[in-house]
Amino acid sequence: NIEPHEEELAKKLIDDQFVSMTGQPFDMKPAGYLVAVKIY
C-alpha cells in the first residue's frame, strides 16, 4: 500500500513512534531475507 515516494516518510514516522515509546529511534536491521514487524 506504500508507494516508493512514501517509504522515507513511513520510516520517519516509525522512528518518531519508537522515540516516543522508548526514547530511541528504531534501528533494528533484519539480516538476510527477514522482515521486522511491530505487533499490533
PDB file of all heavy atoms in Angstrom:
ATOM      1  N   ASN A   1       0.830  -1.203   0.000  1.00  0.00           N
ATOM      2  CA  ASN A   1       0.000   0.000   0.000  1.00  0.00           C
ATOM      3  C   ASN A   1       0.866   1.254   0.000  1.00  0.00           C
ATOM      4  O   ASN A   1       0.373   2.347  -0.204  1.00  0.00           O
ATOM      5  CB  ASN A   1      -0.907   0.028   1.241  1.00  0.00           C
ATOM      6  CG  ASN A   1      -2.061  -0.937   1.122  1.00  0.00           C
ATOM      7  OD1 ASN A   1      -2.505  -1.272   0.033  1.00  0.00           O
ATOM      8  ND2 ASN A   1      -2.557  -1.402   2.248  1.00  0.00           N
ATOM      9  N   ILE A   2       2.152   1.085   0.268  1.00  0.00           N
ATOM     10  CA  ILE A   2       3.084   2.213   0.352  1.00  0.00           C
ATOM     11  C   ILE A   2       3.725   2.432  -1.017  1.00  0.00           C
ATOM     12  O   ILE A   2       4.309   1.518  -1.588  1.00  0.00           O
ATOM     13  CB  ILE A   2       4.177   1.935   1.407  1.00  0.00           C
ATOM     14  CG1 ILE A   2       3.577   1.718   2.783  1.00  0.00           C
ATOM     15  CG2 ILE A   2       5.224   3.039   1.436  1.00  0.00           C
ATOM     16  CD1 ILE A   2       2.894   2.916   3.396  1.00  0.00           C
ATOM     17  N   GLU A   3       3.596   3.634  -1.504  1.00  0.00           N
ATOM     18  CA  GLU A   3       4.243   3.999  -2.767  1.00  0.00           C
ATOM     19  C   GLU A   3       5.722   4.258  -2.491  1.00  0.00           C
ATOM     20  O   GLU A   3       6.097   4.638  -1.373  1.00  0.00           O
ATOM     21  CB  GLU A   3       3.594   5.254  -3.353  1.00  0.00           C
ATOM     22  CG  GLU A   3       2.133   5.071  -3.734  1.00  0.00           C
ATOM     23  CD  GLU A   3       1.940   4.118  -4.884  1.00  0.00           C
ATOM     24  OE1 GLU A   3       2.808   4.059  -5.779  1.00  0.00           O
ATOM     25  OE2 GLU A   3       0.910   3.416  -4.897  1.00  0.00           O
ATOM     26  N   PRO A   4       6.586   4.062  -3.502  1.00  0.00           N
ATOM     27  CA  PRO A   4       8.027   4.263  -3.273  1.00  0.00           C
ATOM     28  C   PRO A   4       8.364   5.623  -2.653  1.00  0.00           C
ATOM     29  O   PRO A   4       9.210   5.705  -1.772  1.00  0.00           O
ATOM     30  CB  PRO A   4       8.625   4.136  -4.679  1.00  0.00           C
ATOM     31  CG  PRO A   4       7.676   3.248  -5.401  1.00  0.00           C
ATOM     32  CD  PRO A   4       6.300   3.604  -4.861  1.00  0.00           C
ATOM     33  N   HIS A   5       7.673   6.681  -3.069  1.00  0.00           N
ATOM     34  CA  HIS A   5       7.984   8.009  -2.529  1.00  0.00           C
ATOM     35  C   HIS A   5       7.477   8.191  -1.088  1.00  0.00           C
ATOM     36  O   HIS A   5       7.853   9.150  -0.420  1.00  0.00           O
ATOM     37  CB  HIS A   5       7.400   9.103  -3.438  1.00  0.00           C
ATOM     38  CG  HIS A   5       5.903   9.137  -3.474  1.00  0.00           C
ATOM     39  ND1 HIS A   5       5.173   8.292  -4.271  1.00  0.00           N
ATOM     40  CD2 HIS A   5       5.012   9.876  -2.785  1.00  0.00           C
ATOM     41  CE1 HIS A   5       3.886   8.519  -4.096  1.00  0.00           C
ATOM     42  NE2 HIS A   5       3.760   9.467  -3.199  1.00  0.00           N
ATOM     43  N   GLU A   6       6.664   7.274  -0.571  1.00  0.00           N
ATOM     44  CA  GLU A   6       6.146   7.365   0.798  1.00  0.00           C
ATOM     45  C   GLU A   6       6.979   6.591   1.810  1.00  0.00           C
ATOM     46  O   GLU A   6       6.792   6.739   3.018  1.00  0.00           O
ATOM     47  CB  GLU A   6       4.706   6.837   0.846  1.00  0.00           C
ATOM     48  CG  GLU A   6       3.736   7.619  -0.006  1.00  0.00           C
ATOM     49  CD  GLU A   6       2.372   6.964  -0.093  1.00  0.00           C
ATOM     50  OE1 GLU A   6       2.315   5.719  -0.261  1.00  0.00           O
ATOM     51  OE2 GLU A   6       1.377   7.692   0.014  1.00  0.00           O
ATOM     52  N   GLU A   7       7.896   5.765   1.337  1.00  0.00           N
ATOM     53  CA  GLU A   7       8.642   4.885   2.235  1.00  0.00           C
ATOM     54  C   GLU A   7       9.518   5.657   3.222  1.00  0.00           C
ATOM     55  O   GLU A   7       9.591   5.307   4.400  1.00  0.00           O
ATOM     56  CB  GLU A   7       9.471   3.882   1.438  1.00  0.00           C
ATOM     57  CG  GLU A   7       9.864   2.685   2.252  1.00  0.00           C
ATOM     58  CD  GLU A   7      10.389   1.530   1.422  1.00  0.00           C
ATOM     59  OE1 GLU A   7      10.464   1.630   0.185  1.00  0.00           O
ATOM     60  OE2 GLU A   7      10.744   0.521   2.036  1.00  0.00           O
ATOM     61  N   GLU A   8      10.172   6.721   2.778  1.00  0.00           N
ATOM     62  CA  GLU A   8      11.013   7.518   3.682  1.00  0.00           C
ATOM     63  C   GLU A   8      10.173   8.175   4.771  1.00  0.00           C
ATOM     64  O   GLU A   8      10.580   8.226   5.932  1.00  0.00           O
ATOM     65  CB  GLU A   8      11.827   8.559   2.912  1.00  0.00           C
ATOM     66  CG  GLU A   8      13.008   7.976   2.165  1.00  0.00           C
ATOM     67  CD  GLU A   8      13.925   7.140   3.059  1.00  0.00           C
ATOM     68  OE1 GLU A   8      14.305   7.587   4.162  1.00  0.00           O
ATOM     69  OE2 GLU A   8      14.279   6.016   2.639  1.00  0.00           O
ATOM     70  N   LEU A   9       8.983   8.672   4.411  1.00  0.00           N
ATOM     71  CA  LEU A   9       8.096   9.260   5.418  1.00  0.00           C
ATOM     72  C   LEU A   9       7.655   8.191   6.419  1.00  0.00           C
ATOM     73  O   LEU A   9       7.619   8.447   7.626  1.00  0.00           O
ATOM     74  CB  LEU A   9       6.872   9.899   4.754  1.00  0.00           C
ATOM     75  CG  LEU A   9       5.820  10.457   5.712  1.00  0.00           C
ATOM     76  CD1 LEU A   9       6.407  11.522   6.637  1.00  0.00           C
ATOM     77  CD2 LEU A   9       4.630  11.001   4.932  1.00  0.00           C
ATOM     78  N   ALA A  10       7.351   6.987   5.942  1.00  0.00           N
ATOM     79  CA  ALA A  10       6.963   5.894   6.835  1.00  0.00           C
ATOM     80  C   ALA A  10       8.089   5.578   7.811  1.00  0.00           C
ATOM     81  O   ALA A  10       7.848   5.392   9.013  1.00  0.00           O
ATOM     82  CB  ALA A  10       6.584   4.652   6.020  1.00  0.00           C
ATOM     83  N   LYS A  11       9.329   5.541   7.330  1.00  0.00           N
ATOM     84  CA  LYS A  11      10.475   5.280   8.207  1.00  0.00           C
ATOM     85  C   LYS A  11      10.599   6.355   9.284  1.00  0.00           C
ATOM     86  O   LYS A  11      10.858   6.060  10.451  1.00  0.00           O
ATOM     87  CB  LYS A  11      11.769   5.198   7.391  1.00  0.00           C
ATOM     88  CG  LYS A  11      11.875   3.948   6.547  1.00  0.00           C
ATOM     89  CD  LYS A  11      13.137   3.949   5.703  1.00  0.00           C
ATOM     90  CE  LYS A  11      13.178   2.729   4.792  1.00  0.00           C
ATOM     91  NZ  LYS A  11      14.355   2.731   3.920  1.00  0.00           N
ATOM     92  N   LYS A  12      10.383   7.611   8.905  1.00  0.00           N
ATOM     93  CA  LYS A  12      10.463   8.704   9.872  1.00  0.00           C
ATOM     94  C   LYS A  12       9.349   8.589  10.911  1.00  0.00           C
ATOM     95  O   LYS A  12       9.586   8.776  12.107  1.00  0.00           O
ATOM     96  CB  LYS A  12      10.387  10.058   9.171  1.00  0.00           C
ATOM     97  CG  LYS A  12      10.504  11.214  10.164  1.00  0.00           C
ATOM     98  CD  LYS A  12      10.391  12.553   9.508  1.00  0.00           C
ATOM     99  CE  LYS A  12      10.477  13.710  10.453  1.00  0.00           C
ATOM    100  NZ  LYS A  12      10.186  13.515  11.845  1.00  0.00           N
ATOM    101  N   LEU A  13       8.148   8.267  10.484  1.00  0.00           N
ATOM    102  CA  LEU A  13       7.038   8.118  11.432  1.00  0.00           C
ATOM    103  C   LEU A  13       7.282   6.964  12.402  1.00  0.00           C
ATOM    104  O   LEU A  13       6.978   7.064  13.590  1.00  0.00           O
ATOM    105  CB  LEU A  13       5.724   7.921  10.677  1.00  0.00           C
ATOM    106  CG  LEU A  13       5.226   9.123   9.885  1.00  0.00           C
ATOM    107  CD1 LEU A  13       4.022   8.736   9.028  1.00  0.00           C
ATOM    108  CD2 LEU A  13       4.885  10.277  10.816  1.00  0.00           C
ATOM    109  N   ILE A  14       7.854   5.868  11.900  1.00  0.00           N
ATOM    110  CA  ILE A  14       8.182   4.737  12.768  1.00  0.00           C
ATOM    111  C   ILE A  14       9.254   5.148  13.774  1.00  0.00           C
ATOM    112  O   ILE A  14       9.150   4.852  14.966  1.00  0.00           O
ATOM    113  CB  ILE A  14       8.610   3.513  11.928  1.00  0.00           C
ATOM    114  CG1 ILE A  14       7.391   2.947  11.188  1.00  0.00           C
ATOM    115  CG2 ILE A  14       9.280   2.448  12.786  1.00  0.00           C
ATOM    116  CD1 ILE A  14       7.714   1.974  10.087  1.00  0.00           C
ATOM    117  N   ASP A  15      10.293   5.854  13.318  1.00  0.00           N
ATOM    118  CA  ASP A  15      11.329   6.354  14.228  1.00  0.00           C
ATOM    119  C   ASP A  15      10.713   7.251  15.307  1.00  0.00           C
ATOM    120  O   ASP A  15      11.021   7.118  16.488  1.00  0.00           O
ATOM    121  CB  ASP A  15      12.392   7.142  13.475  1.00  0.00           C
ATOM    122  CG  ASP A  15      13.525   6.277  12.969  1.00  0.00           C
ATOM    123  OD1 ASP A  15      13.592   5.092  13.343  1.00  0.00           O
ATOM    124  OD2 ASP A  15      14.351   6.797  12.197  1.00  0.00           O
ATOM    125  N   ASP A  16       9.839   8.179  14.884  1.00  0.00           N
ATOM    126  CA  ASP A  16       9.199   9.093  15.835  1.00  0.00           C
ATOM    127  C   ASP A  16       8.396   8.320  16.879  1.00  0.00           C
ATOM    128  O   ASP A  16       8.427   8.646  18.074  1.00  0.00           O
ATOM    129  CB  ASP A  16       8.295  10.088  15.113  1.00  0.00           C
ATOM    130  CG  ASP A  16       9.059  11.098  14.268  1.00  0.00           C
ATOM    131  OD1 ASP A  16      10.305  11.191  14.404  1.00  0.00           O
ATOM    132  OD2 ASP A  16       8.403  11.786  13.464  1.00  0.00           O
ATOM    133  N   GLN A  17       7.672   7.288  16.437  1.00  0.00           N
ATOM    134  CA  GLN A  17       6.879   6.490  17.364  1.00  0.00           C
ATOM    135  C   GLN A  17       7.793   5.747  18.349  1.00  0.00           C
ATOM    136  O   GLN A  17       7.519   5.702  19.544  1.00  0.00           O
ATOM    137  CB  GLN A  17       5.988   5.509  16.612  1.00  0.00           C
ATOM    138  CG  GLN A  17       5.079   4.721  17.544  1.00  0.00           C
ATOM    139  CD  GLN A  17       4.218   3.726  16.814  1.00  0.00           C
ATOM    140  OE1 GLN A  17       4.697   3.016  15.934  1.00  0.00           O
ATOM    141  NE2 GLN A  17       2.966   3.661  17.189  1.00  0.00           N
ATOM    142  N   PHE A  18       8.881   5.181  17.848  1.00  0.00           N
ATOM    143  CA  PHE A  18       9.814   4.479  18.739  1.00  0.00           C
ATOM    144  C   PHE A  18      10.470   5.440  19.722  1.00  0.00           C
ATOM    145  O   PHE A  18      10.675   5.093  20.883  1.00  0.00           O
ATOM    146  CB  PHE A  18      10.861   3.703  17.937  1.00  0.00           C
ATOM    147  CG  PHE A  18      10.472   2.274  17.711  1.00  0.00           C
ATOM    148  CD1 PHE A  18       9.588   1.940  16.713  1.00  0.00           C
ATOM    149  CD2 PHE A  18      10.963   1.268  18.523  1.00  0.00           C
ATOM    150  CE1 PHE A  18       9.197   0.624  16.515  1.00  0.00           C
ATOM    151  CE2 PHE A  18      10.577  -0.052  18.338  1.00  0.00           C
ATOM    152  CZ  PHE A  18       9.698  -0.371  17.323  1.00  0.00           C
ATOM    153  N   VAL A  19      10.790   6.640  19.288  1.00  0.00           N
ATOM    154  CA  VAL A  19      11.373   7.630  20.199  1.00  0.00           C
ATOM    155  C   VAL A  19      10.374   7.952  21.308  1.00  0.00           C
ATOM    156  O   VAL A  19      10.734   8.011  22.484  1.00  0.00           O
ATOM    157  CB  VAL A  19      11.810   8.905  19.445  1.00  0.00           C
ATOM    158  CG1 VAL A  19      12.126  10.038  20.413  1.00  0.00           C
ATOM    159  CG2 VAL A  19      13.015   8.615  18.568  1.00  0.00           C
ATOM    160  N   SER A  20       9.093   8.118  20.955  1.00  0.00           N
ATOM    161  CA  SER A  20       8.104   8.435  21.991  1.00  0.00           C
ATOM    162  C   SER A  20       7.875   7.259  22.937  1.00  0.00           C
ATOM    163  O   SER A  20       7.598   7.454  24.118  1.00  0.00           O
ATOM    164  CB  SER A  20       6.783   8.888  21.359  1.00  0.00           C
ATOM    165  OG  SER A  20       6.097   7.818  20.767  1.00  0.00           O
ATOM    166  N   MET A  21       8.018   6.024  22.450  1.00  0.00           N
ATOM    167  CA  MET A  21       7.782   4.845  23.278  1.00  0.00           C
ATOM    168  C   MET A  21       9.021   4.431  24.072  1.00  0.00           C
ATOM    169  O   MET A  21       8.890   3.935  25.192  1.00  0.00           O
ATOM    170  CB  MET A  21       7.319   3.665  22.411  1.00  0.00           C
ATOM    171  CG  MET A  21       5.951   3.880  21.814  1.00  0.00           C
ATOM    172  SD  MET A  21       5.284   2.580  20.719  1.00  0.00           S
ATOM    173  CE  MET A  21       6.555   1.470  20.390  1.00  0.00           C
ATOM    174  N   THR A  22      10.204   4.590  23.496  1.00  0.00           N
ATOM    175  CA  THR A  22      11.416   4.031  24.115  1.00  0.00           C
ATOM    176  C   THR A  22      12.512   5.055  24.379  1.00  0.00           C
ATOM    177  O   THR A  22      13.494   4.730  25.037  1.00  0.00           O
ATOM    178  CB  THR A  22      12.020   2.931  23.211  1.00  0.00           C
ATOM    179  OG1 THR A  22      12.555   3.543  22.027  1.00  0.00           O
ATOM    180  CG2 THR A  22      11.005   1.869  22.845  1.00  0.00           C
ATOM    181  N   GLY A  23      12.377   6.246  23.812  1.00  0.00           N
ATOM    182  CA  GLY A  23      13.430   7.248  23.944  1.00  0.00           C
ATOM    183  C   GLY A  23      14.521   7.114  22.896  1.00  0.00           C
ATOM    184  O   GLY A  23      15.455   7.900  22.870  1.00  0.00           O
ATOM    185  N   GLN A  24      14.402   6.103  22.017  1.00  0.00           N
ATOM    186  CA  GLN A  24      15.405   5.863  20.977  1.00  0.00           C
ATOM    187  C   GLN A  24      14.720   5.571  19.648  1.00  0.00           C
ATOM    188  O   GLN A  24      13.642   4.991  19.621  1.00  0.00           O
ATOM    189  CB  GLN A  24      16.271   4.672  21.361  1.00  0.00           C
ATOM    190  CG  GLN A  24      17.030   4.860  22.656  1.00  0.00           C
ATOM    191  CD  GLN A  24      17.800   3.611  23.031  1.00  0.00           C
ATOM    192  OE1 GLN A  24      18.543   3.077  22.223  1.00  0.00           O
ATOM    193  NE2 GLN A  24      17.599   3.132  24.244  1.00  0.00           N
ATOM    194  N   PRO A  25      15.354   5.945  18.528  1.00  0.00           N
ATOM    195  CA  PRO A  25      14.762   5.620  17.223  1.00  0.00           C
ATOM    196  C   PRO A  25      14.834   4.118  16.946  1.00  0.00           C
ATOM    197  O   PRO A  25      15.565   3.383  17.607  1.00  0.00           O
ATOM    198  CB  PRO A  25      15.621   6.395  16.224  1.00  0.00           C
ATOM    199  CG  PRO A  25      16.919   6.600  16.925  1.00  0.00           C
ATOM    200  CD  PRO A  25      16.623   6.660  18.390  1.00  0.00           C
ATOM    201  N   PHE A  26      14.060   3.688  15.969  1.00  0.00           N
ATOM    202  CA  PHE A  26      14.083   2.281  15.569  1.00  0.00           C
ATOM    203  C   PHE A  26      15.329   2.046  14.733  1.00  0.00           C
ATOM    204  O   PHE A  26      15.496   2.632  13.671  1.00  0.00           O
ATOM    205  CB  PHE A  26      12.836   1.924  14.760  1.00  0.00           C
ATOM    206  CG  PHE A  26      12.794   0.482  14.375  1.00  0.00           C
ATOM    207  CD1 PHE A  26      12.442  -0.483  15.304  1.00  0.00           C
ATOM    208  CD2 PHE A  26      13.130   0.073  13.092  1.00  0.00           C
ATOM    209  CE1 PHE A  26      12.415  -1.817  14.967  1.00  0.00           C
ATOM    210  CE2 PHE A  26      13.111  -1.265  12.747  1.00  0.00           C
ATOM    211  CZ  PHE A  26      12.751  -2.214  13.677  1.00  0.00           C
ATOM    212  N   ASP A  27      16.217   1.177  15.208  1.00  0.00           N
ATOM    213  CA  ASP A  27      17.458   0.940  14.478  1.00  0.00           C
ATOM    214  C   ASP A  27      17.748  -0.544  14.267  1.00  0.00           C
ATOM    215  O   ASP A  27      18.871  -0.915  13.951  1.00  0.00           O
ATOM    216  CB  ASP A  27      18.633   1.633  15.159  1.00  0.00           C
ATOM    217  CG  ASP A  27      18.845   1.165  16.594  1.00  0.00           C
ATOM    218  OD1 ASP A  27      18.091   0.290  17.070  1.00  0.00           O
ATOM    219  OD2 ASP A  27      19.758   1.685  17.247  1.00  0.00           O
ATOM    220  N   MET A  28      16.730  -1.387  14.412  1.00  0.00           N
ATOM    221  CA  MET A  28      16.922  -2.811  14.138  1.00  0.00           C
ATOM    222  C   MET A  28      17.099  -3.000  12.635  1.00  0.00           C
ATOM    223  O   MET A  28      16.351  -2.431  11.846  1.00  0.00           O
ATOM    224  CB  MET A  28      15.716  -3.627  14.620  1.00  0.00           C
ATOM    225  CG  MET A  28      15.859  -5.117  14.358  1.00  0.00           C
ATOM    226  SD  MET A  28      14.348  -6.056  14.704  1.00  0.00           S
ATOM    227  CE  MET A  28      14.279  -5.995  16.468  1.00  0.00           C
ATOM    228  N   LYS A  29      18.084  -3.791  12.260  1.00  0.00           N
ATOM    229  CA  LYS A  29      18.332  -4.094  10.852  1.00  0.00           C
ATOM    230  C   LYS A  29      18.239  -5.603  10.679  1.00  0.00           C
ATOM    231  O   LYS A  29      19.172  -6.329  11.039  1.00  0.00           O
ATOM    232  CB  LYS A  29      19.705  -3.572  10.437  1.00  0.00           C
ATOM    233  CG  LYS A  29      19.788  -2.052  10.443  1.00  0.00           C
ATOM    234  CD  LYS A  29      21.179  -1.585  10.123  1.00  0.00           C
ATOM    235  CE  LYS A  29      21.338  -0.106  10.052  1.00  0.00           C
ATOM    236  NZ  LYS A  29      20.611   0.713  10.943  1.00  0.00           N
ATOM    237  N   PRO A  30      17.122  -6.094  10.132  1.00  0.00           N
ATOM    238  CA  PRO A  30      16.982  -7.537   9.947  1.00  0.00           C
ATOM    239  C   PRO A  30      18.057  -8.069   9.003  1.00  0.00           C
ATOM    240  O   PRO A  30      18.430  -7.410   8.034  1.00  0.00           O
ATOM    241  CB  PRO A  30      15.603  -7.709   9.328  1.00  0.00           C
ATOM    242  CG  PRO A  30      14.930  -6.399   9.451  1.00  0.00           C
ATOM    243  CD  PRO A  30      15.972  -5.366   9.648  1.00  0.00           C
ATOM    244  N   ALA A  31      18.532  -9.255   9.287  1.00  0.00           N
ATOM    245  CA  ALA A  31      19.536  -9.894   8.446  1.00  0.00           C
ATOM    246  C   ALA A  31      18.857 -10.616   7.283  1.00  0.00           C
ATOM    247  O   ALA A  31      17.708 -11.045   7.379  1.00  0.00           O
ATOM    248  CB  ALA A  31      20.349 -10.885   9.273  1.00  0.00           C
ATOM    249  N   GLY A  32      19.602 -10.752   6.197  1.00  0.00           N
ATOM    250  CA  GLY A  32      19.168 -11.572   5.071  1.00  0.00           C
ATOM    251  C   GLY A  32      17.787 -11.257   4.557  1.00  0.00           C
ATOM    252  O   GLY A  32      17.476 -10.129   4.220  1.00  0.00           O
ATOM    253  N   TYR A  33      16.937 -12.270   4.541  1.00  0.00           N
ATOM    254  CA  TYR A  33      15.599 -12.155   3.951  1.00  0.00           C
ATOM    255  C   TYR A  33      14.512 -11.933   5.003  1.00  0.00           C
ATOM    256  O   TYR A  33      13.322 -12.088   4.721  1.00  0.00           O
ATOM    257  CB  TYR A  33      15.284 -13.412   3.131  1.00  0.00           C
ATOM    258  CG  TYR A  33      15.338 -14.688   3.953  1.00  0.00           C
ATOM    259  CD1 TYR A  33      14.212 -15.143   4.615  1.00  0.00           C
ATOM    260  CD2 TYR A  33      16.516 -15.410   4.075  1.00  0.00           C
ATOM    261  CE1 TYR A  33      14.254 -16.299   5.383  1.00  0.00           C
ATOM    262  CE2 TYR A  33      16.568 -16.563   4.829  1.00  0.00           C
ATOM    263  CZ  TYR A  33      15.437 -17.002   5.481  1.00  0.00           C
ATOM    264  OH  TYR A  33      15.483 -18.136   6.240  1.00  0.00           O
ATOM    265  N   LEU A  34      14.893 -11.532   6.211  1.00  0.00           N
ATOM    266  CA  LEU A  34      13.917 -11.355   7.283  1.00  0.00           C
ATOM    267  C   LEU A  34      13.238  -9.991   7.225  1.00  0.00           C
ATOM    268  O   LEU A  34      13.814  -9.007   6.748  1.00  0.00           O
ATOM    269  CB  LEU A  34      14.572 -11.552   8.642  1.00  0.00           C
ATOM    270  CG  LEU A  34      15.101 -12.955   8.907  1.00  0.00           C
ATOM    271  CD1 LEU A  34      15.825 -13.010  10.245  1.00  0.00           C
ATOM    272  CD2 LEU A  34      13.984 -13.983   8.853  1.00  0.00           C
ATOM    273  N   VAL A  35      12.012  -9.964   7.749  1.00  0.00           N
ATOM    274  CA  VAL A  35      11.216  -8.745   7.837  1.00  0.00           C
ATOM    275  C   VAL A  35      10.935  -8.512   9.321  1.00  0.00           C
ATOM    276  O   VAL A  35      10.508  -9.428  10.026  1.00  0.00           O
ATOM    277  CB  VAL A  35       9.891  -8.898   7.054  1.00  0.00           C
ATOM    278  CG1 VAL A  35       9.017  -7.664   7.201  1.00  0.00           C
ATOM    279  CG2 VAL A  35      10.169  -9.183   5.573  1.00  0.00           C
ATOM    280  N   ALA A  36      11.201  -7.289   9.796  1.00  0.00           N
ATOM    281  CA  ALA A  36      10.919  -6.933  11.194  1.00  0.00           C
ATOM    282  C   ALA A  36       9.586  -6.197  11.244  1.00  0.00           C
ATOM    283  O   ALA A  36       9.390  -5.210  10.526  1.00  0.00           O
ATOM    284  CB  ALA A  36      12.026  -6.047  11.759  1.00  0.00           C
ATOM    285  N   VAL A  37       8.673  -6.697  12.083  1.00  0.00           N
ATOM    286  CA  VAL A  37       7.354  -6.092  12.203  1.00  0.00           C
ATOM    287  C   VAL A  37       7.042  -5.785  13.666  1.00  0.00           C
ATOM    288  O   VAL A  37       7.461  -6.493  14.566  1.00  0.00           O
ATOM    289  CB  VAL A  37       6.249  -7.001  11.604  1.00  0.00           C
ATOM    290  CG1 VAL A  37       6.444  -7.187  10.110  1.00  0.00           C
ATOM    291  CG2 VAL A  37       6.179  -8.344  12.313  1.00  0.00           C
ATOM    292  N   LYS A  38       6.299  -4.708  13.879  1.00  0.00           N
ATOM    293  CA  LYS A  38       5.808  -4.333  15.208  1.00  0.00           C
ATOM    294  C   LYS A  38       4.411  -4.915  15.343  1.00  0.00           C
ATOM    295  O   LYS A  38       3.530  -4.626  14.547  1.00  0.00           O
ATOM    296  CB  LYS A  38       5.773  -2.818  15.358  1.00  0.00           C
ATOM    297  CG  LYS A  38       5.244  -2.336  16.693  1.00  0.00           C
ATOM    298  CD  LYS A  38       5.192  -0.808  16.700  1.00  0.00           C
ATOM    299  CE  LYS A  38       4.454  -0.281  17.886  1.00  0.00           C
ATOM    300  NZ  LYS A  38       3.018  -0.541  17.837  1.00  0.00           N
ATOM    301  N   ILE A  39       4.218  -5.751  16.353  1.00  0.00           N
ATOM    302  CA  ILE A  39       2.940  -6.411  16.567  1.00  0.00           C
ATOM    303  C   ILE A  39       1.898  -5.373  16.998  1.00  0.00           C
ATOM    304  O   ILE A  39       2.155  -4.537  17.864  1.00  0.00           O
ATOM    305  CB  ILE A  39       3.073  -7.512  17.657  1.00  0.00           C
ATOM    306  CG1 ILE A  39       4.145  -8.529  17.263  1.00  0.00           C
ATOM    307  CG2 ILE A  39       1.735  -8.181  17.941  1.00  0.00           C
ATOM    308  CD1 ILE A  39       3.887  -9.269  15.987  1.00  0.00           C
ATOM    309  N   TYR A  40       0.723  -5.457  16.398  1.00  0.00           N
ATOM    310  CA  TYR A  40      -0.358  -4.546  16.755  1.00  0.00           C
ATOM    311  C   TYR A  40      -0.950  -4.936  18.105  1.00  0.00           C
ATOM    312  O   TYR A  40      -1.324  -6.084  18.323  1.00  0.00           O
ATOM    313  CB  TYR A  40      -1.454  -4.581  15.686  1.00  0.00           C
ATOM    314  CG  TYR A  40      -2.659  -3.737  16.046  1.00  0.00           C
ATOM    315  CD1 TYR A  40      -2.561  -2.358  16.092  1.00  0.00           C
ATOM    316  CD2 TYR A  40      -3.880  -4.327  16.354  1.00  0.00           C
ATOM    317  CE1 TYR A  40      -3.645  -1.575  16.425  1.00  0.00           C
ATOM    318  CE2 TYR A  40      -4.976  -3.554  16.679  1.00  0.00           C
ATOM    319  CZ  TYR A  40      -4.854  -2.178  16.719  1.00  0.00           C
ATOM    320  OH  TYR A  40      -5.944  -1.413  17.052  1.00  0.00           O
TER     321      TYR A  40
END
